[in-house]
Amino acid sequence: MAPSLSTALRLLTITTITTLATAASPPADDTPLPLVIWHGLGDTFSGEGIQAVAALADAIHPGTFVHAVSLAADDANADRSATFFGNVSQQVDLVCAQLAAHPILSTAPAIDALGFSQGGQFLRAYVQRCNKPPVRSLVTFGSQHNGIAEFRECGGGDFLCKGAMALLRFNTWSSFVQSRLVPAQYFRDPANLPAYLEGSRFLADINNERATKNAGYKKNLASLRKFVMFLFEDDTMVHPRESSWFGEVTETESVPLRDRDIYKQDWLGLRALDEKGALVFRSITADHMQIPEKVLNETMRDFFGPYDRAFPSHRHEQPKMYGHSSSASSVNLEL
C-alpha cells in the first residue's frame, strides 16, 4: 500500500533535515583551516617575511590555504601606503567584505588568523565587527591592543613614514587626522583619556571603552577558541610594550590586564576567554617583530590546523617566555 501524503511528507522532512544537518556539519578530516594574515605598518601582503610565514604554515600543516590581506588588490606599493594613510574602520569593513566573498574562506567552517603588529588589532576588530567567516584561533605578535602612547621613529629615507608622523604630532585628535592617518587611530594617552575617548575614531570603539558598550563585540571575541598574544620584551617600537597584553602604563604604575576594568567588568569578553582557558600570554626576549622561527613553528603547531582538533586549557597558565639567540633562524617583519 502506498504511504499517505502526511507520511510521505514526514519522511521527506526527516530526510531533508538529515541531509541539511550532514551538509552543515564540519568536515571530519585532517584538512587544516585556512589562515588569514594581516601584516604590519610599512609592510605589504607580498613582503618577503609574510611570504616566508605563509610557506611555513603550509609546511607545518600541509594543505593550508593562506590568504594575506591586501588593501590594494595586487598593488604592493599602494598596500604599504594604506598602512600609514587611510580610515581603519573602512579598511576593516573592506576586509570583512573580502573574506565574506572569498570562494574558499567563505565556505570553510572557520578560519585561523595571524596578525603582526597593527595587523593584530585590526584582525581583532574583524572578529568583533563581522566575523564571517568566523575565526577559531587569533594569534597576534606585538600588537597594540591598548594603543600606543608615543609615535614611532622613522628610517632615514622613509619619507612616507616621516610625512605621516609629522601630521600625527600636529593634531592627533582632529577629525582630519583621525580619519586619514592609521597610527593616530590607535593612539591612546593615559594622561589625557577624556580627549582620547572623545576623539578616537577606532581604538576607543573596539576596546568598548565608552559608556555605551557594544554587546556584539564581547560576544564575538568570547567565541574564539584561542586568543594568543605575543609581547616583545625588548620592544623599541611599541610604547608601551605592555599594550600587546592589554596592559595599562602610566607615569606612576603599570597595570596588567587582569587588574583593569576592561577585564574585571569584561567589556570585551577577555575575562570569559580567560575563564574557559582560551586566553594565552606569550613573550619573546627580542625587539619588535624579531620572531625566532622556532616560535612560529610551535605557534602554528599548537594553535592552527584541522577544524576538529583538540586544544588544552591555558587557564591560570603562567606566560611562556621565549629567548632569542642571534644565531637562531628568525623571521623579521615590518612594524
C-alpha atoms as a PDB file:
ATOM      1  CA  MET A   1       0.000   0.000   0.000  1.00  0.00           C
ATOM      2  CA  ALA A   2       1.359   3.466  -0.872  1.00  0.00           C
ATOM      3  CA  PRO A   3       2.171   5.700   2.089  1.00  0.00           C
ATOM      4  CA  SER A   4      -0.257   8.513   2.872  1.00  0.00           C
ATOM      5  CA  LEU A   5       0.594  12.078   1.856  1.00  0.00           C
ATOM      6  CA  SER A   6       1.228  13.063   5.507  1.00  0.00           C
ATOM      7  CA  THR A   7       3.519  10.079   5.990  1.00  0.00           C
ATOM      8  CA  ALA A   8       5.372  10.856   2.790  1.00  0.00           C
ATOM      9  CA  LEU A   9       5.793  14.497   3.798  1.00  0.00           C
ATOM     10  CA  ARG A  10       7.029  13.462   7.234  1.00  0.00           C
ATOM     11  CA  LEU A  11       9.564  11.101   5.689  1.00  0.00           C
ATOM     12  CA  LEU A  12      10.621  13.801   3.225  1.00  0.00           C
ATOM     13  CA  THR A  13      11.051  16.297   6.073  1.00  0.00           C
ATOM     14  CA  ILE A  14      13.155  13.865   8.091  1.00  0.00           C
ATOM     15  CA  THR A  15      15.297  13.117   5.034  1.00  0.00           C
ATOM     16  CA  THR A  16      15.721  16.823   4.256  1.00  0.00           C
ATOM     17  CA  ILE A  17      16.679  17.685   7.834  1.00  0.00           C
ATOM     18  CA  THR A  18      19.174  14.818   7.910  1.00  0.00           C
ATOM     19  CA  THR A  19      20.665  15.915   4.586  1.00  0.00           C
ATOM     20  CA  LEU A  20      20.945  19.543   5.688  1.00  0.00           C
ATOM     21  CA  ALA A  21      22.454  18.584   9.039  1.00  0.00           C
ATOM     22  CA  THR A  22      25.012  16.418   7.293  1.00  0.00           C
ATOM     23  CA  ALA A  23      25.847  19.179   4.836  1.00  0.00           C
ATOM     24  CA  ALA A  24      26.214  21.730   7.641  1.00  0.00           C
ATOM     25  CA  SER A  25      28.499  19.545   9.720  1.00  0.00           C
ATOM     26  CA  PRO A  26      32.196  20.450   9.687  1.00  0.00           C
ATOM     27  CA  PRO A  27      34.379  18.044   7.745  1.00  0.00           C
ATOM     28  CA  ALA A  28      35.744  15.261   9.927  1.00  0.00           C
ATOM     29  CA  ASP A  29      39.151  15.125   8.288  1.00  0.00           C
ATOM     30  CA  ASP A  30      42.669  16.435   8.699  1.00  0.00           C
ATOM     31  CA  THR A  31      42.323  19.349   6.299  1.00  0.00           C
ATOM     32  CA  PRO A  32      43.761  22.422   8.039  1.00  0.00           C
ATOM     33  CA  LEU A  33      41.661  25.520   8.337  1.00  0.00           C
ATOM     34  CA  PRO A  34      42.595  28.419   6.048  1.00  0.00           C
ATOM     35  CA  LEU A  35      44.908  31.008   7.574  1.00  0.00           C
ATOM     36  CA  VAL A  36      44.442  34.768   7.156  1.00  0.00           C
ATOM     37  CA  ILE A  37      47.474  37.000   7.766  1.00  0.00           C
ATOM     38  CA  TRP A  38      47.353  40.775   8.258  1.00  0.00           C
ATOM     39  CA  HIS A  39      50.753  42.485   8.089  1.00  0.00           C
ATOM     40  CA  GLY A  40      52.036  45.493   9.997  1.00  0.00           C
ATOM     41  CA  LEU A  41      52.908  49.124   9.379  1.00  0.00           C
ATOM     42  CA  GLY A  42      55.221  49.623   6.406  1.00  0.00           C
ATOM     43  CA  ASP A  43      54.879  46.033   5.191  1.00  0.00           C
ATOM     44  CA  THR A  44      52.914  44.568   2.295  1.00  0.00           C
ATOM     45  CA  PHE A  45      50.902  41.457   1.566  1.00  0.00           C
ATOM     46  CA  SER A  46      53.690  40.306  -0.767  1.00  0.00           C
ATOM     47  CA  GLY A  47      56.597  41.129   1.549  1.00  0.00           C
ATOM     48  CA  GLU A  48      59.353  38.568   1.895  1.00  0.00           C
ATOM     49  CA  GLY A  49      58.617  37.982   5.574  1.00  0.00           C
ATOM     50  CA  ILE A  50      54.880  37.475   5.024  1.00  0.00           C
ATOM     51  CA  GLN A  51      55.545  35.022   2.206  1.00  0.00           C
ATOM     52  CA  ALA A  52      58.003  33.117   4.405  1.00  0.00           C
ATOM     53  CA  VAL A  53      55.364  32.844   7.132  1.00  0.00           C
ATOM     54  CA  ALA A  54      52.820  31.582   4.599  1.00  0.00           C
ATOM     55  CA  ALA A  55      55.249  28.907   3.378  1.00  0.00           C
ATOM     56  CA  LEU A  56      55.961  27.872   6.956  1.00  0.00           C
ATOM     57  CA  ALA A  57      52.252  27.473   7.697  1.00  0.00           C
ATOM     58  CA  ASP A  58      51.882  25.118   4.756  1.00  0.00           C
ATOM     59  CA  ALA A  59      54.993  23.167   5.767  1.00  0.00           C
ATOM     60  CA  ILE A  60      53.689  22.597   9.300  1.00  0.00           C
ATOM     61  CA  HIS A  61      50.106  21.825   8.274  1.00  0.00           C
ATOM     62  CA  PRO A  62      50.320  20.641   4.638  1.00  0.00           C
ATOM     63  CA  GLY A  63      47.449  21.873   2.535  1.00  0.00           C
ATOM     64  CA  THR A  64      46.915  25.108   4.455  1.00  0.00           C
ATOM     65  CA  PHE A  65      45.362  27.786   2.261  1.00  0.00           C
ATOM     66  CA  VAL A  66      46.921  31.120   3.226  1.00  0.00           C
ATOM     67  CA  HIS A  67      45.366  34.483   2.445  1.00  0.00           C
ATOM     68  CA  ALA A  68      47.497  37.591   3.068  1.00  0.00           C
ATOM     69  CA  VAL A  69      45.325  40.668   3.495  1.00  0.00           C
ATOM     70  CA  SER A  70      45.822  43.416   0.922  1.00  0.00           C
ATOM     71  CA  LEU A  71      44.021  46.744   0.971  1.00  0.00           C
ATOM     72  CA  ALA A  72      45.005  47.482  -2.627  1.00  0.00           C
ATOM     73  CA  ALA A  73      44.462  44.302  -4.643  1.00  0.00           C
ATOM     74  CA  ASP A  74      47.795  43.352  -6.264  1.00  0.00           C
ATOM     75  CA  ASP A  75      49.465  46.753  -5.812  1.00  0.00           C
ATOM     76  CA  ALA A  76      52.145  46.273  -3.144  1.00  0.00           C
ATOM     77  CA  ASN A  77      53.132  49.954  -3.063  1.00  0.00           C
ATOM     78  CA  ALA A  78      49.539  51.069  -2.513  1.00  0.00           C
ATOM     79  CA  ASP A  79      49.090  48.352   0.111  1.00  0.00           C
ATOM     80  CA  ARG A  80      52.119  49.691   2.012  1.00  0.00           C
ATOM     81  CA  SER A  81      50.787  53.248   1.754  1.00  0.00           C
ATOM     82  CA  ALA A  82      47.482  52.059   3.230  1.00  0.00           C
ATOM     83  CA  THR A  83      49.303  51.013   6.400  1.00  0.00           C
ATOM     84  CA  PHE A  84      50.060  54.717   7.019  1.00  0.00           C
ATOM     85  CA  PHE A  85      47.160  56.525   5.359  1.00  0.00           C
ATOM     86  CA  GLY A  86      43.515  55.540   5.458  1.00  0.00           C
ATOM     87  CA  ASN A  87      40.436  55.145   7.619  1.00  0.00           C
ATOM     88  CA  VAL A  88      40.950  51.995   9.701  1.00  0.00           C
ATOM     89  CA  SER A  89      37.243  51.313  10.180  1.00  0.00           C
ATOM     90  CA  GLN A  90      36.749  51.463   6.424  1.00  0.00           C
ATOM     91  CA  GLN A  91      39.753  49.190   5.961  1.00  0.00           C
ATOM     92  CA  VAL A  92      38.273  46.641   8.375  1.00  0.00           C
ATOM     93  CA  ASP A  93      34.939  46.863   6.532  1.00  0.00           C
ATOM     94  CA  LEU A  94      36.765  46.192   3.261  1.00  0.00           C
ATOM     95  CA  VAL A  95      38.452  43.097   4.685  1.00  0.00           C
ATOM     96  CA  CYS A  96      35.118  41.904   6.121  1.00  0.00           C
ATOM     97  CA  ALA A  97      33.651  42.101   2.615  1.00  0.00           C
ATOM     98  CA  GLN A  98      36.689  40.471   1.001  1.00  0.00           C
ATOM     99  CA  LEU A  99      36.705  37.464   3.308  1.00  0.00           C
ATOM    100  CA  ALA A 100      32.928  37.015   3.182  1.00  0.00           C
ATOM    101  CA  ALA A 101      33.064  36.914  -0.631  1.00  0.00           C
ATOM    102  CA  HIS A 102      36.173  34.749  -0.958  1.00  0.00           C
ATOM    103  CA  PRO A 103      35.275  31.400  -2.562  1.00  0.00           C
ATOM    104  CA  ILE A 104      37.499  29.355  -0.236  1.00  0.00           C
ATOM    105  CA  LEU A 105      37.429  31.336   3.010  1.00  0.00           C
ATOM    106  CA  SER A 106      33.677  31.905   2.963  1.00  0.00           C
ATOM    107  CA  THR A 107      32.920  28.190   2.603  1.00  0.00           C
ATOM    108  CA  ALA A 108      35.296  26.983   5.325  1.00  0.00           C
ATOM    109  CA  PRO A 109      33.758  26.053   8.697  1.00  0.00           C
ATOM    110  CA  ALA A 110      36.118  28.621  10.278  1.00  0.00           C
ATOM    111  CA  ILE A 111      39.470  30.307   9.686  1.00  0.00           C
ATOM    112  CA  ASP A 112      42.568  30.937  11.760  1.00  0.00           C
ATOM    113  CA  ALA A 113      44.033  34.447  11.900  1.00  0.00           C
ATOM    114  CA  LEU A 114      47.573  35.730  12.401  1.00  0.00           C
ATOM    115  CA  GLY A 115      48.226  39.434  12.927  1.00  0.00           C
ATOM    116  CA  PHE A 116      51.597  41.161  13.011  1.00  0.00           C
ATOM    117  CA  SER A 117      51.860  44.447  14.910  1.00  0.00           C
ATOM    118  CA  GLN A 118      48.941  46.717  13.967  1.00  0.00           C
ATOM    119  CA  GLY A 119      47.523  43.903  11.844  1.00  0.00           C
ATOM    120  CA  GLY A 120      46.738  42.117  15.113  1.00  0.00           C
ATOM    121  CA  GLN A 121      44.327  44.701  16.484  1.00  0.00           C
ATOM    122  CA  PHE A 122      42.826  45.078  13.010  1.00  0.00           C
ATOM    123  CA  LEU A 123      42.092  41.337  12.893  1.00  0.00           C
ATOM    124  CA  ARG A 124      40.608  41.606  16.375  1.00  0.00           C
ATOM    125  CA  ALA A 125      38.346  44.346  15.013  1.00  0.00           C
ATOM    126  CA  TYR A 126      37.366  41.947  12.219  1.00  0.00           C
ATOM    127  CA  VAL A 127      36.358  39.347  14.808  1.00  0.00           C
ATOM    128  CA  GLN A 128      34.376  41.845  16.855  1.00  0.00           C
ATOM    129  CA  ARG A 129      32.649  43.658  13.997  1.00  0.00           C
ATOM    130  CA  CYS A 130      31.793  40.949  11.455  1.00  0.00           C
ATOM    131  CA  ASN A 131      33.496  37.559  11.972  1.00  0.00           C
ATOM    132  CA  LYS A 132      32.075  35.950   8.824  1.00  0.00           C
ATOM    133  CA  PRO A 133      33.775  33.558   8.219  1.00  0.00           C
ATOM    134  CA  PRO A 134      34.352  33.043  11.952  1.00  0.00           C
ATOM    135  CA  VAL A 135      37.845  32.992  13.432  1.00  0.00           C
ATOM    136  CA  ARG A 136      38.786  29.996  15.570  1.00  0.00           C
ATOM    137  CA  SER A 137      42.309  30.920  16.753  1.00  0.00           C
ATOM    138  CA  LEU A 138      43.545  34.515  16.737  1.00  0.00           C
ATOM    139  CA  VAL A 139      47.287  34.985  17.237  1.00  0.00           C
ATOM    140  CA  THR A 140      48.846  38.458  17.471  1.00  0.00           C
ATOM    141  CA  PHE A 141      52.523  39.416  17.606  1.00  0.00           C
ATOM    142  CA  GLY A 142      53.473  42.750  19.193  1.00  0.00           C
ATOM    143  CA  SER A 143      50.047  44.241  18.543  1.00  0.00           C
ATOM    144  CA  GLN A 144      48.953  47.499  20.145  1.00  0.00           C
ATOM    145  CA  HIS A 145      45.759  46.227  21.761  1.00  0.00           C
ATOM    146  CA  ASN A 146      45.773  49.011  24.336  1.00  0.00           C
ATOM    147  CA  GLY A 147      47.144  51.552  21.892  1.00  0.00           C
ATOM    148  CA  ILE A 148      50.399  53.486  21.743  1.00  0.00           C
ATOM    149  CA  ALA A 149      51.375  56.484  23.863  1.00  0.00           C
ATOM    150  CA  GLU A 150      54.279  57.506  21.609  1.00  0.00           C
ATOM    151  CA  PHE A 151      54.709  57.564  17.855  1.00  0.00           C
ATOM    152  CA  ARG A 152      57.447  55.551  16.184  1.00  0.00           C
ATOM    153  CA  GLU A 153      60.726  56.811  14.787  1.00  0.00           C
ATOM    154  CA  CYS A 154      61.153  56.531  11.023  1.00  0.00           C
ATOM    155  CA  GLY A 155      64.104  55.321   8.992  1.00  0.00           C
ATOM    156  CA  GLY A 156      66.317  57.990   7.418  1.00  0.00           C
ATOM    157  CA  GLY A 157      64.986  57.589   3.894  1.00  0.00           C
ATOM    158  CA  ASP A 158      61.398  56.573   4.718  1.00  0.00           C
ATOM    159  CA  PHE A 159      59.642  59.763   3.611  1.00  0.00           C
ATOM    160  CA  LEU A 160      56.214  58.120   3.606  1.00  0.00           C
ATOM    161  CA  CYS A 161      56.625  57.335   7.305  1.00  0.00           C
ATOM    162  CA  LYS A 162      58.076  60.777   8.099  1.00  0.00           C
ATOM    163  CA  GLY A 163      55.177  62.550   6.421  1.00  0.00           C
ATOM    164  CA  ALA A 164      52.630  60.512   8.351  1.00  0.00           C
ATOM    165  CA  MET A 165      54.356  61.017  11.704  1.00  0.00           C
ATOM    166  CA  ALA A 166      54.647  64.775  11.162  1.00  0.00           C
ATOM    167  CA  LEU A 167      50.897  65.037  10.658  1.00  0.00           C
ATOM    168  CA  LEU A 168      50.211  62.787  13.645  1.00  0.00           C
ATOM    169  CA  ARG A 169      52.164  65.023  16.008  1.00  0.00           C
ATOM    170  CA  PHE A 170      50.477  68.138  14.642  1.00  0.00           C
ATOM    171  CA  ASN A 171      46.910  67.413  15.778  1.00  0.00           C
ATOM    172  CA  THR A 172      46.236  63.842  16.786  1.00  0.00           C
ATOM    173  CA  TRP A 173      42.552  64.258  17.661  1.00  0.00           C
ATOM    174  CA  SER A 174      41.381  66.330  14.710  1.00  0.00           C
ATOM    175  CA  SER A 175      38.771  64.662  12.514  1.00  0.00           C
ATOM    176  CA  PHE A 176      41.159  65.014   9.570  1.00  0.00           C
ATOM    177  CA  VAL A 177      43.941  63.057  11.277  1.00  0.00           C
ATOM    178  CA  GLN A 178      41.628  60.513  12.906  1.00  0.00           C
ATOM    179  CA  SER A 179      40.010  59.613   9.601  1.00  0.00           C
ATOM    180  CA  ARG A 180      43.161  59.522   7.475  1.00  0.00           C
ATOM    181  CA  LEU A 181      46.295  58.582   9.440  1.00  0.00           C
ATOM    182  CA  VAL A 182      46.381  54.989  10.594  1.00  0.00           C
ATOM    183  CA  PRO A 183      48.639  55.110  13.713  1.00  0.00           C
ATOM    184  CA  ALA A 184      46.636  58.045  15.131  1.00  0.00           C
ATOM    185  CA  GLN A 185      43.586  55.788  15.225  1.00  0.00           C
ATOM    186  CA  TYR A 186      45.168  53.580  17.870  1.00  0.00           C
ATOM    187  CA  PHE A 187      46.949  56.356  19.784  1.00  0.00           C
ATOM    188  CA  ARG A 188      45.961  56.371  23.472  1.00  0.00           C
ATOM    189  CA  ASP A 189      47.492  58.685  26.075  1.00  0.00           C
ATOM    190  CA  PRO A 190      46.579  57.550  29.633  1.00  0.00           C
ATOM    191  CA  ALA A 191      47.369  61.074  30.836  1.00  0.00           C
ATOM    192  CA  ASN A 192      44.613  62.514  28.656  1.00  0.00           C
ATOM    193  CA  LEU A 193      41.856  59.904  28.477  1.00  0.00           C
ATOM    194  CA  PRO A 194      38.974  62.419  28.040  1.00  0.00           C
ATOM    195  CA  ALA A 195      40.481  63.661  24.762  1.00  0.00           C
ATOM    196  CA  TYR A 196      41.047  60.060  23.658  1.00  0.00           C
ATOM    197  CA  LEU A 197      37.504  58.926  24.467  1.00  0.00           C
ATOM    198  CA  GLU A 198      36.048  61.900  22.648  1.00  0.00           C
ATOM    199  CA  GLY A 199      38.332  61.943  19.621  1.00  0.00           C
ATOM    200  CA  SER A 200      39.376  58.336  18.942  1.00  0.00           C
ATOM    201  CA  ARG A 201      37.769  57.005  15.775  1.00  0.00           C
ATOM    202  CA  PHE A 202      38.888  53.392  16.174  1.00  0.00           C
ATOM    203  CA  LEU A 203      40.572  52.079  19.325  1.00  0.00           C
ATOM    204  CA  ALA A 204      38.162  53.514  21.905  1.00  0.00           C
ATOM    205  CA  ASP A 205      35.357  51.819  19.983  1.00  0.00           C
ATOM    206  CA  ILE A 206      36.853  48.352  19.502  1.00  0.00           C
ATOM    207  CA  ASN A 207      38.040  48.332  23.135  1.00  0.00           C
ATOM    208  CA  ASN A 208      34.486  49.147  24.298  1.00  0.00           C
ATOM    209  CA  GLU A 209      35.825  51.943  26.499  1.00  0.00           C
ATOM    210  CA  ARG A 210      32.957  54.369  26.113  1.00  0.00           C
ATOM    211  CA  ALA A 211      29.918  54.409  28.413  1.00  0.00           C
ATOM    212  CA  THR A 212      27.703  52.608  25.909  1.00  0.00           C
ATOM    213  CA  LYS A 213      29.084  49.116  25.327  1.00  0.00           C
ATOM    214  CA  ASN A 214      28.660  47.038  22.189  1.00  0.00           C
ATOM    215  CA  ALA A 215      27.461  43.615  23.367  1.00  0.00           C
ATOM    216  CA  GLY A 216      28.218  42.121  19.960  1.00  0.00           C
ATOM    217  CA  TYR A 217      31.914  42.883  20.332  1.00  0.00           C
ATOM    218  CA  LYS A 218      32.039  40.925  23.577  1.00  0.00           C
ATOM    219  CA  LYS A 219      30.027  38.012  22.179  1.00  0.00           C
ATOM    220  CA  ASN A 220      32.179  37.688  19.069  1.00  0.00           C
ATOM    221  CA  LEU A 221      35.544  37.923  20.809  1.00  0.00           C
ATOM    222  CA  ALA A 222      34.462  35.464  23.500  1.00  0.00           C
ATOM    223  CA  SER A 223      33.582  32.958  20.757  1.00  0.00           C
ATOM    224  CA  LEU A 224      37.263  32.407  19.922  1.00  0.00           C
ATOM    225  CA  ARG A 225      38.690  29.001  20.762  1.00  0.00           C
ATOM    226  CA  LYS A 226      42.102  30.610  21.377  1.00  0.00           C
ATOM    227  CA  PHE A 227      43.344  34.192  21.606  1.00  0.00           C
ATOM    228  CA  VAL A 228      47.143  34.175  21.761  1.00  0.00           C
ATOM    229  CA  MET A 229      49.001  37.443  22.442  1.00  0.00           C
ATOM    230  CA  PHE A 230      52.771  37.782  21.984  1.00  0.00           C
ATOM    231  CA  LEU A 231      54.700  40.620  23.646  1.00  0.00           C
ATOM    232  CA  PHE A 232      58.273  41.594  22.751  1.00  0.00           C
ATOM    233  CA  GLU A 233      60.262  42.129  25.953  1.00  0.00           C
ATOM    234  CA  ASP A 234      62.823  44.428  24.297  1.00  0.00           C
ATOM    235  CA  ASP A 235      60.342  46.275  22.075  1.00  0.00           C
ATOM    236  CA  THR A 236      61.683  49.671  20.989  1.00  0.00           C
ATOM    237  CA  MET A 237      58.843  50.381  18.539  1.00  0.00           C
ATOM    238  CA  VAL A 238      55.699  49.919  20.615  1.00  0.00           C
ATOM    239  CA  HIS A 239      55.332  52.246  23.593  1.00  0.00           C
ATOM    240  CA  PRO A 240      54.293  50.862  25.956  1.00  0.00           C
ATOM    241  CA  ARG A 241      55.184  47.281  25.083  1.00  0.00           C
ATOM    242  CA  GLU A 242      52.640  46.070  27.675  1.00  0.00           C
ATOM    243  CA  SER A 243      49.948  47.142  25.228  1.00  0.00           C
ATOM    244  CA  SER A 244      50.475  43.813  23.462  1.00  0.00           C
ATOM    245  CA  TRP A 245      48.875  42.177  26.540  1.00  0.00           C
ATOM    246  CA  PHE A 246      46.259  44.918  27.065  1.00  0.00           C
ATOM    247  CA  GLY A 247      48.395  46.377  29.867  1.00  0.00           C
ATOM    248  CA  GLU A 248      47.965  49.985  31.033  1.00  0.00           C
ATOM    249  CA  VAL A 249      51.119  52.005  31.730  1.00  0.00           C
ATOM    250  CA  THR A 250      51.018  55.480  33.265  1.00  0.00           C
ATOM    251  CA  GLU A 251      53.745  57.715  34.658  1.00  0.00           C
ATOM    252  CA  THR A 252      53.339  56.089  38.072  1.00  0.00           C
ATOM    253  CA  GLU A 253      52.280  52.485  37.549  1.00  0.00           C
ATOM    254  CA  SER A 254      51.903  49.530  35.245  1.00  0.00           C
ATOM    255  CA  VAL A 255      48.543  47.772  35.492  1.00  0.00           C
ATOM    256  CA  PRO A 256      48.239  44.270  33.979  1.00  0.00           C
ATOM    257  CA  LEU A 257      45.119  43.222  32.106  1.00  0.00           C
ATOM    258  CA  ARG A 258      43.543  41.199  34.916  1.00  0.00           C
ATOM    259  CA  ASP A 259      43.619  44.227  37.250  1.00  0.00           C
ATOM    260  CA  ARG A 260      41.897  46.564  34.782  1.00  0.00           C
ATOM    261  CA  ASP A 261      38.188  47.326  34.450  1.00  0.00           C
ATOM    262  CA  ILE A 262      38.226  46.169  30.816  1.00  0.00           C
ATOM    263  CA  TYR A 263      38.855  42.678  32.251  1.00  0.00           C
ATOM    264  CA  LYS A 264      37.088  42.813  35.617  1.00  0.00           C
ATOM    265  CA  GLN A 265      33.884  44.204  34.095  1.00  0.00           C
ATOM    266  CA  ASP A 266      34.506  42.119  30.954  1.00  0.00           C
ATOM    267  CA  TRP A 267      33.848  44.835  28.392  1.00  0.00           C
ATOM    268  CA  LEU A 268      35.290  42.712  25.567  1.00  0.00           C
ATOM    269  CA  GLY A 269      34.915  39.085  26.635  1.00  0.00           C
ATOM    270  CA  LEU A 270      38.564  38.758  27.671  1.00  0.00           C
ATOM    271  CA  ARG A 271      37.640  37.502  31.135  1.00  0.00           C
ATOM    272  CA  ALA A 272      35.246  34.980  29.606  1.00  0.00           C
ATOM    273  CA  LEU A 273      38.043  33.765  27.336  1.00  0.00           C
ATOM    274  CA  ASP A 274      40.393  33.542  30.313  1.00  0.00           C
ATOM    275  CA  GLU A 275      37.928  31.594  32.411  1.00  0.00           C
ATOM    276  CA  LYS A 276      37.467  28.967  29.694  1.00  0.00           C
ATOM    277  CA  GLY A 277      41.234  28.615  29.238  1.00  0.00           C
ATOM    278  CA  ALA A 278      41.323  30.324  25.840  1.00  0.00           C
ATOM    279  CA  LEU A 279      43.411  33.431  26.633  1.00  0.00           C
ATOM    280  CA  VAL A 280      47.124  32.769  26.109  1.00  0.00           C
ATOM    281  CA  PHE A 281      50.045  35.051  27.016  1.00  0.00           C
ATOM    282  CA  ARG A 282      53.438  34.625  25.338  1.00  0.00           C
ATOM    283  CA  SER A 283      56.569  36.780  25.221  1.00  0.00           C
ATOM    284  CA  ILE A 284      59.799  36.889  23.237  1.00  0.00           C
ATOM    285  CA  THR A 285      63.041  38.379  24.564  1.00  0.00           C
ATOM    286  CA  ALA A 286      63.689  40.398  21.425  1.00  0.00           C
ATOM    287  CA  ASP A 287      62.926  43.683  19.709  1.00  0.00           C
ATOM    288  CA  HIS A 288      59.748  44.316  17.751  1.00  0.00           C
ATOM    289  CA  MET A 289      58.931  41.708  15.095  1.00  0.00           C
ATOM    290  CA  GLN A 290      62.146  39.741  15.644  1.00  0.00           C
ATOM    291  CA  ILE A 291      60.466  36.347  15.721  1.00  0.00           C
ATOM    292  CA  PRO A 292      62.514  33.149  16.026  1.00  0.00           C
ATOM    293  CA  GLU A 293      61.401  30.537  13.520  1.00  0.00           C
ATOM    294  CA  LYS A 294      61.036  28.120  16.434  1.00  0.00           C
ATOM    295  CA  VAL A 295      58.331  30.357  17.897  1.00  0.00           C
ATOM    296  CA  LEU A 296      56.396  30.435  14.634  1.00  0.00           C
ATOM    297  CA  ASN A 297      56.768  26.661  14.303  1.00  0.00           C
ATOM    298  CA  GLU A 298      55.401  25.992  17.783  1.00  0.00           C
ATOM    299  CA  THR A 299      52.636  28.570  17.484  1.00  0.00           C
ATOM    300  CA  MET A 300      51.334  27.169  14.211  1.00  0.00           C
ATOM    301  CA  ARG A 301      51.623  23.623  15.500  1.00  0.00           C
ATOM    302  CA  ASP A 302      49.798  24.421  18.747  1.00  0.00           C
ATOM    303  CA  PHE A 303      47.008  26.746  17.574  1.00  0.00           C
ATOM    304  CA  PHE A 304      46.328  26.140  13.868  1.00  0.00           C
ATOM    305  CA  GLY A 305      45.484  23.013  11.861  1.00  0.00           C
ATOM    306  CA  PRO A 306      42.336  20.889  11.365  1.00  0.00           C
ATOM    307  CA  TYR A 307      38.920  22.183  12.375  1.00  0.00           C
ATOM    308  CA  ASP A 308      38.115  19.439  14.856  1.00  0.00           C
ATOM    309  CA  ARG A 309      41.477  19.328  16.643  1.00  0.00           C
ATOM    310  CA  ALA A 310      41.533  19.489  20.445  1.00  0.00           C
ATOM    311  CA  PHE A 311      43.178  22.279  22.428  1.00  0.00           C
ATOM    312  CA  PRO A 312      44.457  22.098  26.008  1.00  0.00           C
ATOM    313  CA  SER A 313      43.218  24.619  28.544  1.00  0.00           C
ATOM    314  CA  HIS A 314      45.519  27.554  29.309  1.00  0.00           C
ATOM    315  CA  ARG A 315      43.593  28.688  32.360  1.00  0.00           C
ATOM    316  CA  HIS A 316      45.839  30.084  35.111  1.00  0.00           C
ATOM    317  CA  GLU A 317      48.889  29.290  33.000  1.00  0.00           C
ATOM    318  CA  GLN A 318      51.968  31.431  33.574  1.00  0.00           C
ATOM    319  CA  PRO A 319      53.073  33.351  30.459  1.00  0.00           C
ATOM    320  CA  LYS A 320      55.555  31.370  28.396  1.00  0.00           C
ATOM    321  CA  MET A 321      58.728  33.295  27.545  1.00  0.00           C
ATOM    322  CA  TYR A 322      60.909  32.568  24.533  1.00  0.00           C
ATOM    323  CA  GLY A 323      64.538  33.629  24.360  1.00  0.00           C
ATOM    324  CA  HIS A 324      66.153  34.965  21.214  1.00  0.00           C
ATOM    325  CA  SER A 325      69.570  33.932  20.018  1.00  0.00           C
ATOM    326  CA  SER A 326      71.393  35.995  17.407  1.00  0.00           C
ATOM    327  CA  SER A 327      72.480  32.763  15.761  1.00  0.00           C
ATOM    328  CA  ALA A 328      68.969  31.301  15.609  1.00  0.00           C
ATOM    329  CA  SER A 329      66.921  31.453  12.436  1.00  0.00           C
ATOM    330  CA  SER A 330      64.239  34.136  12.611  1.00  0.00           C
ATOM    331  CA  VAL A 331      61.657  35.918  10.504  1.00  0.00           C
ATOM    332  CA  ASN A 332      61.962  39.706  10.553  1.00  0.00           C
ATOM    333  CA  LEU A 333      58.843  41.649   9.704  1.00  0.00           C
ATOM    334  CA  GLU A 334      57.946  45.328   9.432  1.00  0.00           C
ATOM    335  CA  LEU A 335      56.176  47.158  12.230  1.00  0.00           C
END
